[in-house]
Every structure is written in structure tokens, then in C-alpha cells.
Amino acid sequence: MSASLRVPAVPPPLDSPGAATNLLEAYRPGTDRFLATPLHTLLGSGTRAQVPHDSRPLPLRVQEVLDAARRAGDPAPVVVGSVPFAPGGAAELAVPETVRWATALRADPLIALHGPDAGREDAWRIREVPAAEEYAAAVAAAVKRMRAGEFDKVVLARTLELTSARELDLPAMLSRLARRDPDGYTFAVPSGPGRTLVGASPELLVARRGGRLVANPLAGSAQRSSDLAEDVRRAAALLDSPKDLHEHAVVVDAIREALAPFCARLDVPERPTLVRTAAMWHLSTTLTGELRDPASTALDLASALHPTPAVCGTPTEVARQVIADSEPFDRGAYTGMVGWQNADGDGDWVVTIRCAEAEGRTLRLFAGAGVVAESSPAAETAETGAKFRTFLSAVGAAL
């Protein structure tokens, strides 16, 4: 994230060694809400107020709840939670009773310590929805339609349903996810009655600090290799891949177009760079800007961007219909956004990927791939398999 965004927007975080990892280890499912970003770590406990679900714009509903909390005596209220992929879906956003802040996990030396053991791989029963061959067939059908000129891009996803013989240990899963990729965005928030959304996303949708904003779309991916020379070769090939560069440019152009009306200045680099996670390389572009109207909140910006072509496709409405026709499941919070916002309008909203929803003893994992006319069904299926590994490694399971 740009250093220009390091403007105080929240209470000063604790920066002593162990402060961030203490918040990570203090997380408990239920009404706790945990979010770690490259700048800070947040743990909210309890629920002071829930953002209502009605026909009014979501940013308006969020601001009303925050303003009411401030009038009631909370000097620094924060809304934390998730927004679903589907338009008009119910967001799970709330003002916690208490919020604790610390510096970033990546800045805490204790994050390097070994986390909880992932357990045995035979503890899980795994079901693919859809099966890999059915997913590949859906990709092939979409490619055929794109080559006929019906649309330009669609992001198709699949799921893994993991059922355990034991109770799920969500705090341990969260800890392993955070320790695997401490530079990313790790989260665990309630997603509905008896459900928890947990994950580690590499992708910032948008952040706002005062009059400044930053967006960091990722599109175009390659699986990493444990062999250093091969890993470097794959990274270099991704930077030179016409298919992936085209896919990335579609996303960046859409974000530029969506943010331009909000900005007095918007800087967009000409070429992408690379971002790496433990499992993947991604093409990355960081856009920075200055707001035209200081009243525009982080959620105003995020709502204008959501969904980007990186998680839906283009044209948006056509891609939504292709997704609905091709995916035999409800995405729910997957490819929505998760984050926080304060009463001044500052906040971070992250694209909800590399995630799972926990309910009872079942985890539903999600992974998707951007499909364009040049896509290979086999390659896109392999890409989703690689993306699943972020979470599979955190639960001790394997495909």
C-alpha cells in the first residue's frame, strides 16, 4: 500500500512485539470479527449495532449506524464485516462493542513462530461442486461464446465441500492462514446465523484515508513452484503472457472508469507488476488518487467498484448471467468484499477470495479463474486447484 496513505484514521495501534499476534490468538468465533491488513490488525468483539438490510444504499445505512454510535458516546465507532457478491444481498456488517487495534501482523516478529498443527489429512471428507471435468466443460462453453463475440470475460468458480469428523477449530485455521501469508488480508467474520467467513485474500479493492485512495486489482495468475528457478520462470512468463496481460488490462480499465468520477487526480501505472502469495503469482496494478469530494467514503468507492471484472467479468450483467447459468451453487460472500469503515469514512475493503464459509462441521471452499477467449479449460481448472491450496494447507487437507 502506498506510503501516502499512512494517515492516522484509527486509534493509535499497539506496536509492541506480540501485540498483533495476541489479537490473532484472541479471536473466538461467534461475534468476534478479525481483520489483518498490511497496515494494521483489528479485533472487534460483541455487537453494539447491526447494519440493517433494506432498500436504501448500503453506504447510507452504514453511515447512519456509525453516526448513531458516535452520538451514543462511542468516540471511534467502526463497522466491520462482509458484503455479498449478489446485488441486493444482505450484508453482514456490525459495529462491535469493543475494538482493539495493533500494528500489522507482518511487522510482528512473533508471526514467524510455528502456528497450530493442521492435523491429519484423513480427517476430512471432500466433495467437489462441480466436479473438475464439469467445471472444465463450463469453461469451454464460455470460451466458445466469447469467440463468437457474445461477451469479453467471465470469472467462473467452483467449490470444495470439506466435512470433518471433529469440531472445526476456526481460531487455529485463522492462525495458520495468517502465518502462511502475513503480507495479505486475513479475516474471520460472522456471515450469517451459525456461519463464519474465514480467509486470506491477496487483493485490496479500495482503501481511503482522508482525501486519498488506493486500489490494487489483481488479475492474471500463475501457480508458484517450490523450485526457485522454475518459480522465477513462471513469474517472468506471467509478466509476458498476452492472455494474462489482456485479462489484467480489462480489470484495470474498468476500475479506472469507475473511480474517475470520484477523483480530482487518478494515477494508473502503464504496466502491471507482480504480487506473490505462498501459492500463486498475480499481475498487480496499484492505482492512487485524490478525492474530488472529501465526503466520498471508502464504502462509496467500494460500492462503485463492486463487482470488478476480476471476480465477475465484462460486460457485468452478461457475466452475472453466465455465472448464474454455469455455477451450481450460491456464491454468498465469496467474491463480495470484506472490510471496515469508521465514522469519518476511512476504511479498507478487500475482495473476498481465498476463503471458506464454515457451518457446523463443514467448510465450503471457493476458487475461481478469469476466463477469456484465449483460455484453456485445463489451465483454468488447474488454476482453481492451485488457489484451493491456500486454504487446504490451513486445514490439513489435499486434493
Protein backbone atom coordinates (compact mmCIF):
# COMPACT_ATOMS: atom_id res chain seq x y z
CA MET A 1 0.00 0.00 0.00
CA SER A 2 1.22 3.48 -0.82
CA ALA A 3 3.10 5.26 1.95
CA SER A 4 1.00 8.34 1.16
CA LEU A 5 -1.95 6.57 2.76
CA ARG A 6 -0.30 6.24 6.14
CA VAL A 7 -2.53 8.92 7.64
CA PRO A 8 -3.90 8.33 11.16
CA ALA A 9 -7.51 7.17 10.70
CA VAL A 10 -7.93 4.87 13.69
CA PRO A 11 -6.81 4.95 17.34
CA PRO A 12 -3.02 4.52 17.59
CA PRO A 13 -2.34 0.78 17.37
CA LEU A 14 -0.25 -1.16 19.83
CA ASP A 15 3.16 -1.72 18.28
CA SER A 16 4.96 -3.80 20.89
CA PRO A 17 6.24 -7.24 19.82
CA GLY A 18 3.40 -9.73 20.12
CA ALA A 19 0.58 -7.16 20.03
CA ALA A 20 -0.72 -8.22 16.61
CA THR A 21 -0.30 -11.95 17.20
CA ASN A 22 -2.05 -11.55 20.56
CA LEU A 23 -5.13 -10.26 18.73
CA LEU A 24 -4.86 -13.14 16.26
CA GLU A 25 -4.72 -15.71 19.06
CA ALA A 26 -7.52 -13.96 20.99
CA TYR A 27 -10.03 -14.44 18.15
CA ARG A 28 -13.05 -16.61 19.01
CA PRO A 29 -15.87 -17.48 16.58
CA GLY A 30 -19.37 -16.16 17.20
CA THR A 31 -19.45 -12.40 17.45
CA ASP A 32 -15.69 -11.72 17.12
CA ARG A 33 -14.58 -10.01 13.90
CA PHE A 34 -10.91 -10.23 12.91
CA LEU A 35 -9.21 -8.40 10.05
CA ALA A 36 -5.47 -8.08 9.42
CA THR A 37 -4.15 -5.80 6.66
CA PRO A 38 -0.62 -4.77 5.61
CA LEU A 39 -1.02 -1.68 7.85
CA HIS A 40 -2.82 -2.88 10.99
CA THR A 41 -4.65 -5.67 12.81
CA LEU A 42 -8.22 -5.31 14.12
CA LEU A 43 -10.21 -7.45 16.53
CA GLY A 44 -13.81 -6.49 17.26
CA SER A 45 -15.79 -8.27 19.97
CA GLY A 46 -19.51 -8.28 20.63
CA THR A 47 -22.16 -6.39 18.67
CA ARG A 48 -23.15 -2.84 19.58
CA ALA A 49 -25.29 -2.30 16.45
CA GLN A 50 -26.12 -4.25 13.28
CA VAL A 51 -26.38 -2.51 9.91
CA PRO A 52 -29.99 -3.05 8.77
CA HIS A 53 -30.92 -4.70 5.48
CA ASP A 54 -33.36 -2.62 3.43
CA SER A 55 -33.69 -0.92 0.03
CA ARG A 56 -31.57 2.13 0.89
CA PRO A 57 -27.99 2.35 -0.44
CA LEU A 58 -25.59 0.39 1.73
CA PRO A 59 -23.14 3.31 2.31
CA LEU A 60 -26.04 5.39 3.66
CA ARG A 61 -27.14 2.64 6.06
CA VAL A 62 -23.57 2.15 7.28
CA GLN A 63 -23.04 5.87 7.85
CA GLU A 64 -26.30 6.19 9.80
CA VAL A 65 -25.29 3.36 12.14
CA LEU A 66 -21.83 4.86 12.66
CA ASP A 67 -23.22 8.35 13.31
CA ALA A 68 -25.71 6.92 15.82
CA ALA A 69 -22.92 5.06 17.63
CA ARG A 70 -20.87 8.26 17.83
CA ARG A 71 -23.84 10.23 19.20
CA ALA A 72 -24.33 7.48 21.80
CA GLY A 73 -20.84 8.13 23.16
CA ASP A 74 -18.51 5.88 21.13
CA PRO A 75 -15.68 8.25 20.12
CA ALA A 76 -14.35 5.99 17.33
CA PRO A 77 -17.03 3.59 16.08
CA VAL A 78 -16.10 1.15 13.33
CA VAL A 79 -18.26 -1.06 11.11
CA VAL A 80 -16.70 -4.46 10.31
CA GLY A 81 -17.95 -7.35 8.18
CA SER A 82 -18.77 -8.61 4.71
CA VAL A 83 -20.87 -7.71 1.67
CA PRO A 84 -22.08 -10.50 -0.67
CA PHE A 85 -21.43 -10.92 -4.38
CA ALA A 86 -25.10 -10.76 -5.40
CA PRO A 87 -26.63 -7.29 -5.85
CA GLY A 88 -29.17 -6.54 -3.14
CA GLY A 89 -27.94 -9.39 -0.94
CA ALA A 90 -27.88 -8.96 2.82
CA ALA A 91 -24.58 -7.60 4.11
CA GLU A 92 -23.28 -8.89 7.45
CA LEU A 93 -21.94 -5.63 8.91
CA ALA A 94 -21.90 -4.51 12.53
CA VAL A 95 -20.37 -2.06 14.99
CA PRO A 96 -18.56 -4.19 17.62
CA GLU A 97 -18.91 -3.48 21.33
CA THR A 98 -15.14 -3.19 21.63
CA VAL A 99 -12.40 -2.82 19.03
CA ARG A 100 -8.71 -3.42 19.62
CA TRP A 101 -6.02 -2.37 17.16
CA ALA A 102 -2.41 -3.42 16.68
CA THR A 103 0.21 -2.93 14.00
CA ALA A 104 0.39 -5.25 11.00
CA LEU A 105 0.97 -8.95 11.52
CA ARG A 106 3.89 -8.80 9.10
CA ALA A 107 5.59 -6.28 11.44
CA ASP A 108 5.20 -8.52 14.49
CA PRO A 109 8.27 -10.77 14.87
CA LEU A 110 6.19 -13.40 16.67
CA ILE A 111 4.22 -14.14 13.48
CA ALA A 112 7.23 -16.15 12.31
CA LEU A 113 6.74 -18.68 15.08
CA HIS A 114 5.20 -22.02 14.19
CA GLY A 115 1.41 -21.97 14.42
CA PRO A 116 -1.07 -24.69 15.46
CA ASP A 117 -0.68 -28.06 13.77
CA ALA A 118 -3.04 -28.61 10.83
CA GLY A 119 -3.99 -32.14 11.85
CA ARG A 120 -4.38 -35.28 9.74
CA GLU A 121 -5.36 -35.25 6.07
CA ASP A 122 -7.66 -38.25 6.60
CA ALA A 123 -9.88 -36.23 8.95
CA TRP A 124 -11.77 -34.66 6.01
CA ARG A 125 -14.34 -35.94 3.52
CA ILE A 126 -14.05 -33.83 0.34
CA ARG A 127 -16.67 -33.29 -2.35
CA GLU A 128 -16.11 -31.18 -5.48
CA VAL A 129 -19.05 -28.97 -6.58
CA PRO A 130 -18.94 -29.08 -9.55
CA ALA A 131 -16.53 -31.88 -10.39
CA ALA A 132 -13.34 -30.74 -12.13
CA GLU A 133 -14.44 -32.14 -15.51
CA GLU A 134 -17.80 -30.36 -15.27
CA TYR A 135 -16.04 -27.11 -14.44
CA ALA A 136 -13.74 -27.54 -17.44
CA ALA A 137 -16.78 -28.09 -19.65
CA ALA A 138 -18.34 -24.85 -18.37
CA VAL A 139 -15.11 -23.00 -19.18
CA ALA A 140 -15.09 -24.48 -22.68
CA ALA A 141 -18.71 -23.41 -23.24
CA ALA A 142 -17.90 -19.87 -22.09
CA VAL A 143 -14.82 -19.69 -24.35
CA LYS A 144 -16.93 -20.75 -27.33
CA ARG A 145 -19.43 -17.97 -26.64
CA MET A 146 -16.69 -15.37 -26.22
CA ARG A 147 -15.07 -16.38 -29.50
CA ALA A 148 -18.48 -15.84 -31.08
CA GLY A 149 -18.45 -12.29 -29.72
CA GLU A 150 -21.18 -12.60 -27.05
CA PHE A 151 -19.08 -11.14 -24.21
CA ASP A 152 -15.45 -10.46 -23.27
CA LYS A 153 -14.71 -12.16 -19.94
CA VAL A 154 -16.33 -14.19 -17.17
CA VAL A 155 -14.96 -15.45 -13.86
CA LEU A 156 -16.16 -18.98 -13.18
CA ALA A 157 -15.77 -20.57 -9.76
CA ARG A 158 -16.04 -23.98 -8.17
CA THR A 159 -16.19 -25.20 -4.60
CA LEU A 160 -14.88 -27.92 -2.35
CA GLU A 161 -17.11 -29.08 0.49
CA LEU A 162 -14.98 -30.41 3.35
CA THR A 163 -16.73 -32.27 6.17
CA SER A 164 -14.85 -33.14 9.33
CA ALA A 165 -15.43 -35.89 11.86
CA ARG A 166 -14.34 -33.40 14.51
CA GLU A 167 -15.44 -29.93 15.57
CA LEU A 168 -13.88 -27.22 13.41
CA ASP A 169 -11.07 -25.29 15.06
CA LEU A 170 -11.55 -21.91 13.37
CA PRO A 171 -9.04 -19.99 15.52
CA ALA A 172 -6.33 -22.49 14.55
CA MET A 173 -7.29 -22.25 10.85
CA LEU A 174 -7.17 -18.46 11.01
CA SER A 175 -3.78 -18.54 12.70
CA ARG A 176 -2.32 -20.83 10.04
CA LEU A 177 -3.72 -18.67 7.22
CA ALA A 178 -2.23 -15.54 8.77
CA ARG A 179 1.17 -17.14 9.33
CA ARG A 180 1.26 -18.52 5.77
CA ASP A 181 0.68 -15.10 4.13
CA PRO A 182 1.22 -12.33 6.73
CA ASP A 183 1.55 -9.68 3.98
CA GLY A 184 -2.05 -10.19 2.82
CA TYR A 185 -5.52 -9.58 4.23
CA THR A 186 -6.60 -12.24 6.72
CA PHE A 187 -10.15 -12.24 8.05
CA ALA A 188 -12.75 -14.12 10.08
CA VAL A 189 -16.22 -12.57 10.42
CA PRO A 190 -19.76 -13.85 11.02
CA SER A 191 -21.54 -14.47 7.70
CA GLY A 192 -24.99 -15.48 8.96
CA PRO A 193 -26.61 -17.48 11.78
CA GLY A 194 -24.13 -20.20 12.75
CA ARG A 195 -21.80 -19.35 9.84
CA THR A 196 -18.31 -17.83 9.71
CA LEU A 197 -16.42 -16.47 6.72
CA VAL A 198 -12.68 -17.05 7.05
CA GLY A 199 -9.91 -16.47 4.55
CA ALA A 200 -6.70 -14.77 3.42
CA SER A 201 -7.20 -12.52 0.39
CA PRO A 202 -4.29 -11.00 -1.53
CA GLU A 203 -6.46 -8.31 -3.18
CA LEU A 204 -7.32 -4.84 -1.90
CA LEU A 205 -10.45 -3.49 -3.57
CA VAL A 206 -10.04 0.06 -2.26
CA ALA A 207 -8.75 1.94 0.78
CA ARG A 208 -9.47 5.53 1.74
CA ARG A 209 -7.55 7.73 4.16
CA GLY A 210 -8.82 11.31 4.28
CA GLY A 211 -8.77 12.64 0.73
CA ARG A 212 -6.62 9.86 -0.71
CA LEU A 213 -7.49 6.46 -2.12
CA VAL A 214 -5.68 3.37 -3.36
CA ALA A 215 -6.95 0.37 -5.31
CA ASN A 216 -4.92 -2.73 -6.12
CA PRO A 217 -6.61 -5.04 -8.63
CA LEU A 218 -5.13 -8.47 -9.28
CA ALA A 219 -5.93 -10.39 -12.48
CA GLY A 220 -3.83 -12.90 -14.33
CA SER A 221 -2.29 -15.67 -12.23
CA ALA A 222 0.28 -18.45 -12.27
CA GLN A 223 0.89 -21.23 -9.78
CA ARG A 224 4.13 -20.97 -7.86
CA SER A 225 6.79 -23.69 -7.79
CA SER A 226 8.89 -25.00 -4.91
CA ASP A 227 11.87 -24.97 -7.29
CA LEU A 228 13.38 -21.46 -7.25
CA ALA A 229 14.44 -21.42 -10.91
CA GLU A 230 11.05 -22.67 -12.07
CA ASP A 231 9.27 -20.21 -9.78
CA VAL A 232 11.20 -17.30 -11.33
CA ARG A 233 10.49 -18.63 -14.84
CA ARG A 234 6.76 -18.77 -14.13
CA ALA A 235 6.78 -15.22 -12.76
CA ALA A 236 8.60 -13.92 -15.84
CA ALA A 237 6.25 -15.82 -18.16
CA LEU A 238 3.23 -14.30 -16.42
CA LEU A 239 4.60 -10.79 -16.97
CA ASP A 240 4.92 -11.57 -20.68
CA SER A 241 1.68 -13.55 -21.20
CA PRO A 242 -0.63 -11.91 -23.78
CA LYS A 243 -3.66 -13.75 -22.38
CA ASP A 244 -2.99 -12.68 -18.78
CA LEU A 245 -1.97 -9.12 -19.71
CA HIS A 246 -5.24 -8.74 -21.64
CA GLU A 247 -7.25 -10.11 -18.73
CA HIS A 248 -5.48 -7.71 -16.38
CA ALA A 249 -5.96 -4.69 -18.65
CA VAL A 250 -9.73 -5.31 -18.78
CA VAL A 251 -9.88 -5.11 -14.98
CA VAL A 252 -7.66 -2.03 -14.67
CA ASP A 253 -9.63 -0.16 -17.34
CA ALA A 254 -12.90 -0.92 -15.53
CA ILE A 255 -11.53 0.30 -12.20
CA ARG A 256 -10.14 3.46 -13.78
CA GLU A 257 -13.53 4.18 -15.32
CA ALA A 258 -15.39 3.55 -12.03
CA LEU A 259 -13.06 5.66 -9.89
CA ALA A 260 -12.54 8.59 -12.27
CA PRO A 261 -15.80 10.41 -11.32
CA PHE A 262 -14.71 10.43 -7.66
CA CYS A 263 -11.21 11.74 -8.30
CA ALA A 264 -9.55 15.11 -8.88
CA ARG A 265 -6.45 13.08 -9.77
CA LEU A 266 -6.04 9.39 -10.53
CA ASP A 267 -2.67 7.80 -11.28
CA VAL A 268 -2.63 4.49 -13.17
CA PRO A 269 0.70 2.77 -13.98
CA GLU A 270 1.14 1.74 -17.61
CA ARG A 271 2.21 -1.84 -16.88
CA PRO A 272 1.45 -4.29 -14.07
CA THR A 273 3.92 -5.65 -11.58
CA LEU A 274 3.86 -8.94 -9.68
CA VAL A 275 2.43 -9.87 -6.30
CA ARG A 276 3.14 -13.25 -4.75
CA THR A 277 1.38 -15.33 -2.16
CA ALA A 278 2.51 -18.68 -0.82
CA ALA A 279 0.66 -20.45 -3.65
CA MET A 280 0.31 -18.00 -6.56
CA TRP A 281 1.85 -15.23 -8.65
CA HIS A 282 -0.58 -12.45 -9.65
CA LEU A 283 -0.37 -9.50 -12.02
CA SER A 284 -0.92 -6.37 -9.92
CA THR A 285 -1.56 -2.68 -10.58
CA THR A 286 -1.74 -0.08 -7.81
CA LEU A 287 -3.95 2.92 -8.63
CA THR A 288 -3.73 6.01 -6.39
CA GLY A 289 -5.85 9.12 -6.39
CA GLU A 290 -7.12 12.23 -4.65
CA LEU A 291 -10.84 12.57 -3.99
CA ARG A 292 -12.84 15.29 -5.69
CA ASP A 293 -15.37 15.29 -2.83
CA PRO A 294 -14.00 14.56 0.68
CA ALA A 295 -17.45 13.27 1.69
CA SER A 296 -16.98 10.16 -0.50
CA THR A 297 -16.44 7.26 1.89
CA ALA A 298 -14.45 4.07 1.46
CA LEU A 299 -17.71 2.17 1.03
CA ASP A 300 -18.95 4.66 -1.58
CA LEU A 301 -15.83 3.86 -3.58
CA ALA A 302 -16.04 0.12 -2.97
CA SER A 303 -19.70 0.02 -3.98
CA ALA A 304 -18.88 1.81 -7.24
CA LEU A 305 -16.20 -0.78 -7.99
CA HIS A 306 -18.01 -3.95 -6.92
CA PRO A 307 -18.02 -6.33 -8.71
CA THR A 308 -14.91 -5.74 -10.78
CA PRO A 309 -14.18 -7.84 -13.88
CA ALA A 310 -11.58 -9.63 -11.72
CA VAL A 311 -14.39 -11.50 -9.91
CA CYS A 312 -17.34 -11.22 -12.32
CA GLY A 313 -16.49 -10.41 -15.93
CA THR A 314 -17.44 -7.96 -18.63
CA PRO A 315 -19.98 -6.77 -19.59
CA THR A 316 -21.05 -7.13 -15.96
CA GLU A 317 -24.69 -8.10 -16.40
CA VAL A 318 -23.94 -10.64 -19.13
CA ALA A 319 -21.16 -12.14 -16.99
CA ARG A 320 -23.51 -12.35 -13.99
CA GLN A 321 -25.98 -14.33 -16.05
CA VAL A 322 -23.28 -16.69 -17.34
CA ILE A 323 -22.18 -17.24 -13.72
CA ALA A 324 -25.75 -17.96 -12.64
CA ASP A 325 -26.19 -20.42 -15.52
CA SER A 326 -22.82 -22.14 -15.01
CA GLU A 327 -22.24 -22.39 -11.25
CA PRO A 328 -24.39 -24.93 -9.34
CA PHE A 329 -24.10 -23.08 -6.02
CA ASP A 330 -24.75 -19.71 -4.41
CA ARG A 331 -21.55 -17.66 -4.05
CA GLY A 332 -22.80 -15.90 -0.92
CA ALA A 333 -19.96 -13.75 0.43
CA TYR A 334 -17.39 -15.22 -1.98
CA THR A 335 -16.20 -12.53 -4.46
CA GLY A 336 -18.02 -9.92 -2.41
CA MET A 337 -16.00 -7.68 -0.13
CA VAL A 338 -14.88 -7.74 3.49
CA GLY A 339 -13.51 -4.85 5.50
CA TRP A 340 -14.03 -1.96 7.88
CA GLN A 341 -15.02 1.69 7.85
CA ASN A 342 -15.08 4.39 10.53
CA ALA A 343 -17.43 7.34 11.00
CA ASP A 344 -15.07 9.66 9.09
CA GLY A 345 -15.38 7.47 6.00
CA ASP A 346 -11.89 5.96 6.15
CA GLY A 347 -11.52 2.22 5.73
CA ASP A 348 -10.26 -0.81 3.81
CA TRP A 349 -12.41 -3.07 1.61
CA VAL A 350 -10.89 -6.29 0.36
CA VAL A 351 -12.04 -8.66 -2.39
CA THR A 352 -13.37 -11.80 -0.68
CA ILE A 353 -11.30 -14.54 -2.29
CA ARG A 354 -9.11 -17.41 -0.94
CA CYS A 355 -11.85 -18.04 1.57
CA ALA A 356 -14.24 -20.59 3.03
CA GLU A 357 -17.53 -20.49 4.87
CA ALA A 358 -17.76 -22.63 7.99
CA GLU A 359 -21.03 -24.05 9.26
CA GLY A 360 -21.21 -26.87 11.77
CA ARG A 361 -18.52 -29.38 10.80
CA THR A 362 -18.50 -28.33 7.14
CA LEU A 363 -16.24 -25.94 5.27
CA ARG A 364 -17.13 -24.76 1.78
CA LEU A 365 -14.03 -23.54 -0.05
CA PHE A 366 -14.25 -21.31 -3.13
CA ALA A 367 -11.86 -20.68 -6.02
CA GLY A 368 -12.34 -19.08 -9.42
CA ALA A 369 -10.46 -18.24 -12.59
CA GLY A 370 -10.81 -15.46 -15.13
CA VAL A 371 -11.95 -16.90 -18.46
CA VAL A 372 -11.26 -15.03 -21.71
CA ALA A 373 -11.39 -16.12 -25.35
CA GLU A 374 -7.78 -17.39 -25.19
CA SER A 375 -8.40 -19.52 -22.07
CA SER A 376 -7.70 -23.24 -21.83
CA PRO A 377 -10.24 -25.27 -19.82
CA ALA A 378 -7.46 -27.47 -18.44
CA ALA A 379 -5.35 -24.47 -17.41
CA GLU A 380 -8.24 -22.68 -15.70
CA THR A 381 -9.19 -25.85 -13.82
CA ALA A 382 -5.59 -26.25 -12.68
CA GLU A 383 -5.57 -22.59 -11.57
CA THR A 384 -8.57 -23.10 -9.31
CA GLY A 385 -6.88 -26.18 -7.85
CA ALA A 386 -3.79 -24.12 -7.07
CA LYS A 387 -5.89 -21.42 -5.41
CA PHE A 388 -7.62 -24.01 -3.22
CA ARG A 389 -4.24 -24.91 -1.75
CA THR A 390 -4.10 -21.68 0.30
CA PHE A 391 -6.92 -22.95 2.45
CA LEU A 392 -6.31 -26.68 2.13
CA SER A 393 -2.89 -26.22 3.70
CA ALA A 394 -4.50 -24.45 6.64
CA VAL A 395 -6.82 -27.36 7.40
CA GLY A 396 -4.54 -30.29 6.66
CA ALA A 397 -6.40 -31.47 3.56
CA ALA A 398 -5.32 -32.16 -0.02
CA LEU A 399 -6.98 -32.77 -3.38
